[in-house]
Amino acid sequence: MKSKIYFSPIRCLLFTIIPLLLLLALIYNGISAAIKTTAISTTSETKPFLTVEKPMLGFKISYPPDWNLTDNDFVMRL
């Protein structure tokens, strides 16, 4: 007489759900690593800031190089 193989709920967990969770964790880690790499590469491409100083008015300000700065002695517009 042949014996029937019975899969208990614990075996179902071990052989189906746990490998799926591990696979999802690996996929998530790969995606988050790709996002971090993209974030690092975009922040490392920043251009140095330009600086304008007005000692008579008592301030110094840094601004991005792609801004247009118009300046007279008392008013500065970006």
N, C-alpha and C. Protein backbone atom coordinates (compact mmCIF):
# COMPACT_ATOMS: atom_id res chain seq x y z
N MET A 1 0.83 -1.18 0.00
CA MET A 1 0.00 0.00 0.00
C MET A 1 0.89 1.25 0.00
N LYS A 2 0.53 2.20 -0.86
CA LYS A 2 1.32 3.42 -0.96
C LYS A 2 0.89 4.40 0.13
N SER A 3 1.90 5.05 0.66
CA SER A 3 1.58 6.07 1.67
C SER A 3 1.41 7.42 0.99
N LYS A 4 0.50 8.20 1.50
CA LYS A 4 0.21 9.51 0.95
C LYS A 4 1.15 10.54 1.60
N ILE A 5 1.67 11.46 0.79
CA ILE A 5 2.52 12.52 1.34
C ILE A 5 1.62 13.66 1.77
N TYR A 6 1.75 14.05 2.99
CA TYR A 6 0.94 15.12 3.55
C TYR A 6 1.84 16.33 3.80
N PHE A 7 1.48 17.48 3.25
CA PHE A 7 2.23 18.71 3.49
C PHE A 7 1.51 19.49 4.58
N SER A 8 2.15 19.61 5.67
CA SER A 8 1.57 20.36 6.78
C SER A 8 1.67 21.86 6.48
N PRO A 9 0.92 22.67 7.19
CA PRO A 9 1.01 24.13 6.99
C PRO A 9 2.41 24.67 7.21
N ILE A 10 3.14 24.07 8.10
CA ILE A 10 4.51 24.53 8.36
C ILE A 10 5.37 24.27 7.14
N ARG A 11 5.22 23.13 6.50
CA ARG A 11 5.98 22.85 5.29
C ARG A 11 5.59 23.81 4.17
N CYS A 12 4.33 24.12 4.08
CA CYS A 12 3.90 25.10 3.07
C CYS A 12 4.59 26.45 3.30
N LEU A 13 4.69 26.86 4.55
CA LEU A 13 5.40 28.11 4.87
C LEU A 13 6.86 28.02 4.47
N LEU A 14 7.48 26.92 4.81
CA LEU A 14 8.90 26.78 4.54
C LEU A 14 9.21 26.76 3.05
N PHE A 15 8.39 26.12 2.27
CA PHE A 15 8.69 25.93 0.86
C PHE A 15 8.07 26.94 -0.09
N THR A 16 7.16 27.77 0.37
CA THR A 16 6.55 28.74 -0.54
C THR A 16 6.70 30.18 -0.05
N ILE A 17 6.21 30.46 1.11
CA ILE A 17 6.16 31.85 1.56
C ILE A 17 7.54 32.39 1.91
N ILE A 18 8.35 31.63 2.62
CA ILE A 18 9.67 32.12 3.02
C ILE A 18 10.57 32.38 1.81
N PRO A 19 10.66 31.49 0.81
CA PRO A 19 11.47 31.84 -0.38
C PRO A 19 10.94 33.06 -1.12
N LEU A 20 9.63 33.22 -1.16
CA LEU A 20 9.08 34.42 -1.80
C LEU A 20 9.46 35.68 -1.05
N LEU A 21 9.42 35.64 0.26
CA LEU A 21 9.83 36.80 1.06
C LEU A 21 11.30 37.11 0.87
N LEU A 22 12.13 36.09 0.79
CA LEU A 22 13.55 36.31 0.54
C LEU A 22 13.78 36.93 -0.84
N LEU A 23 13.06 36.46 -1.82
CA LEU A 23 13.17 37.03 -3.16
C LEU A 23 12.75 38.49 -3.18
N LEU A 24 11.65 38.79 -2.52
CA LEU A 24 11.20 40.20 -2.45
C LEU A 24 12.22 41.07 -1.72
N ALA A 25 12.85 40.55 -0.68
CA ALA A 25 13.87 41.31 0.04
C ALA A 25 15.07 41.59 -0.85
N LEU A 26 15.49 40.61 -1.65
CA LEU A 26 16.60 40.83 -2.57
C LEU A 26 16.26 41.86 -3.63
N ILE A 27 15.05 41.81 -4.15
CA ILE A 27 14.63 42.79 -5.15
C ILE A 27 14.59 44.18 -4.54
N TYR A 28 14.05 44.30 -3.33
CA TYR A 28 13.97 45.60 -2.66
C TYR A 28 15.37 46.17 -2.41
N ASN A 29 16.30 45.34 -1.97
CA ASN A 29 17.67 45.81 -1.71
C ASN A 29 18.33 46.28 -3.00
N GLY A 30 18.08 45.59 -4.09
CA GLY A 30 18.64 46.00 -5.38
C GLY A 30 18.08 47.33 -5.84
N ILE A 31 16.80 47.53 -5.66
CA ILE A 31 16.17 48.79 -6.07
C ILE A 31 16.65 49.94 -5.19
N SER A 32 16.72 49.72 -3.88
CA SER A 32 17.16 50.81 -3.00
C SER A 32 18.62 51.14 -3.23
N ALA A 33 19.45 50.15 -3.57
CA ALA A 33 20.86 50.43 -3.89
C ALA A 33 20.97 51.24 -5.17
N ALA A 34 20.13 50.96 -6.15
CA ALA A 34 20.14 51.72 -7.39
C ALA A 34 19.71 53.16 -7.15
N ILE A 35 18.74 53.36 -6.29
CA ILE A 35 18.27 54.71 -5.98
C ILE A 35 19.36 55.49 -5.26
N LYS A 36 20.05 54.86 -4.31
CA LYS A 36 21.13 55.53 -3.60
C LYS A 36 22.26 55.91 -4.56
N THR A 37 22.60 55.04 -5.50
CA THR A 37 23.65 55.33 -6.47
C THR A 37 23.26 56.51 -7.34
N THR A 38 22.00 56.58 -7.75
CA THR A 38 21.54 57.69 -8.55
C THR A 38 21.58 58.98 -7.76
N ALA A 39 21.19 58.94 -6.50
CA ALA A 39 21.21 60.14 -5.66
C ALA A 39 22.63 60.63 -5.45
N ILE A 40 23.57 59.73 -5.26
CA ILE A 40 24.95 60.13 -5.05
C ILE A 40 25.52 60.75 -6.32
N SER A 41 25.22 60.18 -7.47
CA SER A 41 25.78 60.69 -8.72
C SER A 41 25.20 62.06 -9.06
N THR A 42 23.95 62.33 -8.73
CA THR A 42 23.39 63.64 -9.05
C THR A 42 23.91 64.72 -8.11
N THR A 43 24.17 64.38 -6.86
CA THR A 43 24.67 65.40 -5.94
C THR A 43 26.15 65.67 -6.15
N SER A 44 26.89 64.75 -6.73
CA SER A 44 28.32 64.99 -6.93
C SER A 44 28.58 65.87 -8.14
N GLU A 45 27.56 66.17 -8.95
CA GLU A 45 27.72 66.98 -10.14
C GLU A 45 27.38 68.45 -9.88
N THR A 46 27.32 68.89 -8.66
CA THR A 46 26.97 70.27 -8.37
C THR A 46 28.12 71.19 -8.74
N LYS A 47 27.78 72.36 -9.21
CA LYS A 47 28.77 73.35 -9.59
C LYS A 47 29.09 74.22 -8.38
N PRO A 48 30.31 74.74 -8.32
CA PRO A 48 30.65 75.60 -7.18
C PRO A 48 29.85 76.91 -7.23
N PHE A 49 29.55 77.40 -6.06
CA PHE A 49 28.78 78.64 -5.95
C PHE A 49 29.70 79.84 -6.15
N LEU A 50 29.14 80.91 -6.68
CA LEU A 50 29.84 82.18 -6.79
C LEU A 50 29.49 83.01 -5.56
N THR A 51 30.36 83.93 -5.22
CA THR A 51 30.15 84.74 -4.01
C THR A 51 30.25 86.21 -4.36
N VAL A 52 29.36 86.99 -3.80
CA VAL A 52 29.43 88.44 -3.89
C VAL A 52 29.46 88.98 -2.47
N GLU A 53 30.30 89.96 -2.26
CA GLU A 53 30.45 90.53 -0.92
C GLU A 53 30.28 92.04 -1.00
N LYS A 54 29.51 92.58 -0.08
CA LYS A 54 29.28 94.01 0.03
C LYS A 54 29.66 94.46 1.43
N PRO A 55 30.92 94.82 1.65
CA PRO A 55 31.34 95.22 2.99
C PRO A 55 30.64 96.49 3.48
N MET A 56 30.30 97.38 2.53
CA MET A 56 29.63 98.62 2.93
C MET A 56 28.25 98.32 3.51
N LEU A 57 27.57 97.30 2.96
CA LEU A 57 26.27 96.92 3.47
C LEU A 57 26.36 95.84 4.54
N GLY A 58 27.52 95.20 4.69
CA GLY A 58 27.75 94.25 5.76
C GLY A 58 27.23 92.84 5.49
N PHE A 59 27.35 92.38 4.25
CA PHE A 59 26.94 90.99 4.00
C PHE A 59 27.78 90.37 2.90
N LYS A 60 27.73 89.06 2.87
CA LYS A 60 28.35 88.25 1.82
C LYS A 60 27.36 87.15 1.48
N ILE A 61 27.12 86.90 0.20
CA ILE A 61 26.14 85.90 -0.21
C ILE A 61 26.73 85.03 -1.32
N SER A 62 26.39 83.74 -1.27
CA SER A 62 26.78 82.80 -2.32
C SER A 62 25.56 82.47 -3.15
N TYR A 63 25.78 82.32 -4.47
CA TYR A 63 24.67 82.03 -5.36
C TYR A 63 25.14 81.07 -6.46
N PRO A 64 24.22 80.32 -7.05
CA PRO A 64 24.59 79.38 -8.12
C PRO A 64 25.08 80.12 -9.36
N PRO A 65 25.97 79.51 -10.12
CA PRO A 65 26.52 80.21 -11.29
C PRO A 65 25.53 80.44 -12.42
N ASP A 66 24.40 79.74 -12.42
CA ASP A 66 23.43 79.94 -13.49
C ASP A 66 22.42 81.05 -13.18
N TRP A 67 22.56 81.72 -12.06
CA TRP A 67 21.71 82.86 -11.74
C TRP A 67 22.31 84.12 -12.36
N ASN A 68 21.44 85.04 -12.78
CA ASN A 68 21.89 86.34 -13.28
C ASN A 68 21.80 87.34 -12.14
N LEU A 69 22.89 88.00 -11.87
CA LEU A 69 22.95 88.94 -10.75
C LEU A 69 23.10 90.35 -11.31
N THR A 70 22.13 91.21 -11.02
CA THR A 70 22.27 92.63 -11.35
C THR A 70 22.53 93.38 -10.06
N ASP A 71 23.45 94.29 -10.12
CA ASP A 71 23.96 94.88 -8.89
C ASP A 71 24.20 96.36 -9.07
N ASN A 72 23.70 97.15 -8.13
CA ASN A 72 24.18 98.51 -7.98
C ASN A 72 24.61 98.65 -6.54
N ASP A 73 24.89 99.83 -6.07
CA ASP A 73 25.46 99.97 -4.72
C ASP A 73 24.49 99.61 -3.60
N PHE A 74 23.19 99.70 -3.82
CA PHE A 74 22.26 99.48 -2.72
C PHE A 74 21.23 98.38 -2.96
N VAL A 75 21.05 97.96 -4.22
CA VAL A 75 20.04 96.96 -4.53
C VAL A 75 20.69 95.84 -5.33
N MET A 76 20.41 94.60 -4.93
CA MET A 76 20.87 93.44 -5.70
C MET A 76 19.66 92.62 -6.10
N ARG A 77 19.58 92.24 -7.33
CA ARG A 77 18.46 91.43 -7.80
C ARG A 77 19.02 90.16 -8.43
N LEU A 78 18.38 89.06 -8.06
CA LEU A 78 18.77 87.76 -8.63
C LEU A 78 17.79 87.35 -9.69
